[in-house]
N, C-alpha and C. Protein backbone atom coordinates (compact mmCIF):
# COMPACT_ATOMS: atom_id res chain seq x y z
N MET A 1 -8.23 5.56 -24.74
CA MET A 1 -8.83 5.22 -23.59
C MET A 1 -8.69 3.50 -23.81
N SER A 2 -9.30 2.48 -22.83
CA SER A 2 -9.45 1.56 -23.18
C SER A 2 -10.19 0.47 -23.77
N LYS A 3 -10.24 -0.27 -24.15
CA LYS A 3 -11.67 -0.91 -25.08
C LYS A 3 -12.49 -1.27 -24.04
N PRO A 4 -13.77 -1.30 -24.41
CA PRO A 4 -15.19 -1.36 -23.18
C PRO A 4 -15.12 -2.86 -23.06
N VAL A 5 -15.63 -3.00 -21.83
CA VAL A 5 -15.65 -4.58 -21.89
C VAL A 5 -16.96 -4.88 -21.50
N HIS A 6 -17.49 -6.00 -22.38
CA HIS A 6 -18.86 -6.33 -21.84
C HIS A 6 -19.20 -7.87 -21.34
N VAL A 7 -19.44 -7.93 -20.20
CA VAL A 7 -19.78 -9.06 -19.25
C VAL A 7 -21.28 -9.08 -19.11
N GLU A 8 -21.63 -10.22 -19.79
CA GLU A 8 -23.12 -9.93 -19.37
C GLU A 8 -23.72 -11.71 -18.58
N ILE A 9 -24.66 -11.69 -17.76
CA ILE A 9 -25.03 -12.82 -16.48
C ILE A 9 -26.15 -12.63 -16.69
N LYS A 10 -27.04 -13.28 -17.26
CA LYS A 10 -28.54 -13.77 -17.62
C LYS A 10 -28.68 -14.80 -16.30
N PRO A 11 -30.20 -14.86 -15.89
CA PRO A 11 -30.72 -15.57 -14.40
C PRO A 11 -30.66 -17.07 -15.34
N LYS A 12 -30.30 -18.05 -14.36
CA LYS A 12 -30.22 -19.40 -14.83
C LYS A 12 -31.79 -19.86 -14.92
N TYR A 13 -31.88 -19.47 -13.99
CA TYR A 13 -33.83 -20.01 -14.07
C TYR A 13 -34.92 -18.65 -13.46
N ARG A 14 -35.99 -18.72 -13.74
CA ARG A 14 -36.50 -17.63 -13.33
C ARG A 14 -36.75 -16.96 -12.42
N ASP A 15 -36.52 -17.61 -11.06
CA ASP A 15 -36.77 -16.92 -9.43
C ASP A 15 -35.37 -16.57 -9.33
N GLU A 16 -34.28 -16.77 -10.32
CA GLU A 16 -32.98 -16.68 -9.46
C GLU A 16 -32.75 -15.53 -8.64
N SER A 17 -32.26 -15.22 -7.18
CA SER A 17 -32.06 -13.88 -6.61
C SER A 17 -31.15 -13.10 -7.41
N ILE A 18 -31.57 -11.85 -7.00
CA ILE A 18 -30.51 -10.87 -7.61
C ILE A 18 -29.03 -11.04 -6.75
N ASP A 19 -28.96 -11.71 -5.71
CA ASP A 19 -28.18 -11.87 -4.98
C ASP A 19 -27.25 -12.86 -5.42
N ALA A 20 -27.96 -13.38 -5.50
CA ALA A 20 -27.17 -14.97 -6.45
C ALA A 20 -26.39 -14.45 -7.93
N LEU A 21 -27.31 -13.48 -8.89
CA LEU A 21 -26.42 -12.70 -10.39
C LEU A 21 -25.63 -12.18 -9.51
N ILE A 22 -25.38 -11.30 -8.76
CA ILE A 22 -24.39 -10.21 -8.44
C ILE A 22 -23.01 -11.22 -8.04
N LYS A 23 -23.47 -12.50 -7.20
CA LYS A 23 -22.32 -12.67 -6.94
C LYS A 23 -21.48 -13.33 -7.79
N ARG A 24 -22.74 -14.23 -9.22
CA ARG A 24 -21.78 -14.63 -10.36
C ARG A 24 -20.91 -13.43 -11.52
N PHE A 25 -22.06 -12.81 -10.79
CA PHE A 25 -21.10 -11.44 -12.14
C PHE A 25 -19.91 -10.94 -11.25
N SER A 26 -20.15 -11.14 -9.92
CA SER A 26 -18.35 -10.69 -9.15
C SER A 26 -17.44 -11.96 -9.49
N ARG A 27 -17.99 -13.00 -9.88
CA ARG A 27 -17.03 -14.15 -9.83
C ARG A 27 -16.42 -13.85 -11.35
N LYS A 28 -17.46 -13.85 -12.15
CA LYS A 28 -16.88 -14.10 -13.94
C LYS A 28 -15.90 -12.54 -13.74
N VAL A 29 -15.62 -11.43 -13.29
CA VAL A 29 -14.83 -10.27 -13.65
C VAL A 29 -13.90 -10.52 -12.76
N LYS A 30 -13.53 -11.86 -11.95
CA LYS A 30 -13.06 -11.76 -11.07
C LYS A 30 -11.86 -13.22 -11.55
N LYS A 31 -12.29 -13.45 -12.35
CA LYS A 31 -11.84 -15.13 -13.31
C LYS A 31 -11.27 -14.35 -14.50
N GLU A 32 -11.87 -12.96 -14.95
CA GLU A 32 -11.80 -12.33 -16.39
C GLU A 32 -10.43 -11.83 -16.19
N ARG A 33 -10.21 -11.19 -14.71
CA ARG A 33 -9.63 -10.38 -14.18
C ARG A 33 -9.42 -9.26 -14.85
N ILE A 34 -10.80 -8.61 -14.97
CA ILE A 34 -10.84 -7.55 -15.63
C ILE A 34 -10.65 -5.66 -14.83
N ILE A 35 -11.08 -6.28 -13.76
CA ILE A 35 -10.67 -4.99 -12.83
C ILE A 35 -8.90 -4.96 -12.76
N GLU A 36 -8.47 -6.01 -12.52
CA GLU A 36 -6.99 -5.79 -12.61
C GLU A 36 -6.39 -5.50 -13.24
N LYS A 37 -6.41 -5.46 -14.83
CA LYS A 37 -6.16 -5.18 -15.87
C LYS A 37 -6.53 -3.64 -16.33
N CYS A 38 -7.50 -3.10 -15.54
CA CYS A 38 -7.86 -1.56 -15.55
C CYS A 38 -6.95 -1.18 -14.66
N ILE A 39 -6.38 -1.63 -13.55
CA ILE A 39 -5.61 -1.25 -12.53
C ILE A 39 -4.15 -0.64 -13.23
N GLU A 40 -3.64 -2.22 -13.77
CA GLU A 40 -2.60 -2.19 -14.37
C GLU A 40 -2.44 -1.49 -15.76
N ARG A 41 -3.33 -0.99 -16.35
CA ARG A 41 -3.40 0.16 -17.30
C ARG A 41 -3.18 1.52 -17.35
N LYS A 42 -3.32 2.00 -15.85
CA LYS A 42 -3.36 2.81 -15.64
C LYS A 42 -2.25 3.66 -15.87
N TYR A 43 -1.51 3.16 -15.50
CA TYR A 43 0.21 3.81 -15.78
C TYR A 43 0.77 2.56 -16.34
N TYR A 44 2.03 3.00 -16.89
CA TYR A 44 2.78 2.55 -18.13
C TYR A 44 3.76 1.74 -17.09
N GLU A 45 4.09 0.38 -17.66
CA GLU A 45 5.01 -0.47 -16.88
C GLU A 45 5.49 -1.44 -17.74
N LYS A 46 6.75 -1.62 -17.50
CA LYS A 46 7.78 -2.01 -18.07
C LYS A 46 7.71 -3.91 -18.42
N GLN A 47 8.12 -3.73 -19.71
CA GLN A 47 7.46 -5.33 -20.00
C GLN A 47 8.39 -6.64 -19.39
N SER A 48 9.58 -5.96 -18.76
CA SER A 48 10.19 -7.01 -17.79
C SER A 48 9.30 -6.87 -16.32
N VAL A 49 9.01 -6.13 -16.10
CA VAL A 49 8.18 -5.60 -14.98
C VAL A 49 7.05 -6.62 -14.67
N LYS A 50 6.32 -6.44 -16.20
CA LYS A 50 4.79 -7.38 -16.43
C LYS A 50 5.40 -8.92 -16.34
N ARG A 51 6.44 -9.19 -17.21
CA ARG A 51 6.82 -10.36 -17.56
C ARG A 51 6.91 -11.21 -15.51
N ARG A 52 7.27 -10.66 -14.82
CA ARG A 52 7.87 -10.75 -13.61
C ARG A 52 6.43 -11.40 -12.52
N LYS A 53 5.62 -9.94 -13.14
CA LYS A 53 4.48 -10.05 -12.32
C LYS A 53 3.80 -11.37 -12.62
N GLU A 54 3.52 -11.08 -14.34
CA GLU A 54 2.86 -12.40 -14.12
C GLU A 54 3.09 -13.80 -13.93
N ARG A 55 4.34 -13.74 -13.75
CA ARG A 55 5.23 -15.26 -13.45
C ARG A 55 5.06 -15.36 -11.88
N LYS A 56 4.94 -14.54 -11.39
CA LYS A 56 5.07 -14.71 -9.76
C LYS A 56 3.26 -15.04 -9.53
N ARG A 57 2.48 -14.36 -10.56
CA ARG A 57 0.71 -15.18 -10.22
C ARG A 57 0.40 -16.60 -10.81
N ARG A 58 1.37 -16.81 -11.73
CA ARG A 58 1.27 -18.02 -11.82
C ARG A 58 1.49 -18.95 -11.19
N LYS A 59 2.85 -18.97 -11.03
CA LYS A 59 3.31 -19.59 -9.73
C LYS A 59 2.74 -19.88 -8.54
N LYS A 60 2.08 -18.54 -8.38
CA LYS A 60 0.76 -18.71 -6.68
C LYS A 60 -0.01 -19.48 -7.21
N VAL A 61 -0.69 -19.48 -8.51
CA VAL A 61 -2.11 -20.27 -8.77
C VAL A 61 -1.65 -21.59 -8.86
N MET A 62 -0.28 -21.84 -9.60
CA MET A 62 0.14 -23.47 -9.58
C MET A 62 0.24 -24.00 -8.20
N GLU A 63 0.84 -22.79 -7.46
CA GLU A 63 0.90 -23.70 -5.77
C GLU A 63 -0.34 -24.02 -5.35
N LYS A 64 -1.33 -23.42 -5.88
CA LYS A 64 -2.68 -23.17 -4.91
C LYS A 64 -2.80 -25.06 -5.57
N ILE A 65 -3.02 -24.87 -6.69
CA ILE A 65 -2.98 -26.41 -7.25
C ILE A 65 -2.64 -27.72 -6.88
N HIS A 66 -1.52 -27.42 -6.87
CA HIS A 66 -1.03 -28.34 -6.38
C HIS A 66 -1.08 -29.30 -4.95
N LYS A 67 -1.06 -27.68 -3.69
CA LYS A 67 -1.66 -28.07 -2.36
C LYS A 67 -3.12 -28.81 -2.48
N LYS A 68 -4.28 -28.56 -3.40
CA LYS A 68 -5.31 -28.66 -3.70
C LYS A 68 -4.94 -30.08 -4.04
N LEU A 69 -4.62 -30.67 -4.93
CA LEU A 69 -4.33 -32.13 -5.52
C LEU A 69 -3.52 -32.98 -4.21
N ASN A 70 -2.75 -31.88 -3.98
CA ASN A 70 -1.80 -33.06 -2.47
C ASN A 70 -3.04 -33.73 -1.47
N TYR A 71 -3.54 -32.68 -0.88
CA TYR A 71 -4.70 -33.00 -0.31
C TYR A 71 -5.25 -33.96 -0.86
N PHE A 72 -6.19 -34.08 -1.67
CA PHE A 72 -7.21 -35.05 -2.26
C PHE A 72 -6.78 -36.25 -2.19
N MET A 73 -4.97 -36.00 -3.12
CA MET A 73 -4.23 -37.86 -3.11
C MET A 73 -3.86 -38.21 -1.66
N ASP A 74 -4.22 -37.04 -0.37
CA ASP A 74 -3.43 -38.06 0.35
C ASP A 74 -4.78 -38.61 1.36
N GLU A 75 -5.87 -38.31 1.19
CA GLU A 75 -7.17 -39.22 1.77
C GLU A 75 -7.39 -40.60 1.19
């Protein structure tokens, strides 16, 4: 079995809506790639395949960042 994951979200202020809490929780889980990691661990994957996927994911993120920077630089 995999390690348990603890993600805790506390209300920022007293009257914060449940919808806002759920949205923040979803963003945090997505940012930390918790669900992706669980799916990856479901079956064995060779190290070379893992590295290739991670490289591809990082490249996609970097392209997105560069695209955003270029957009702001052109304005």
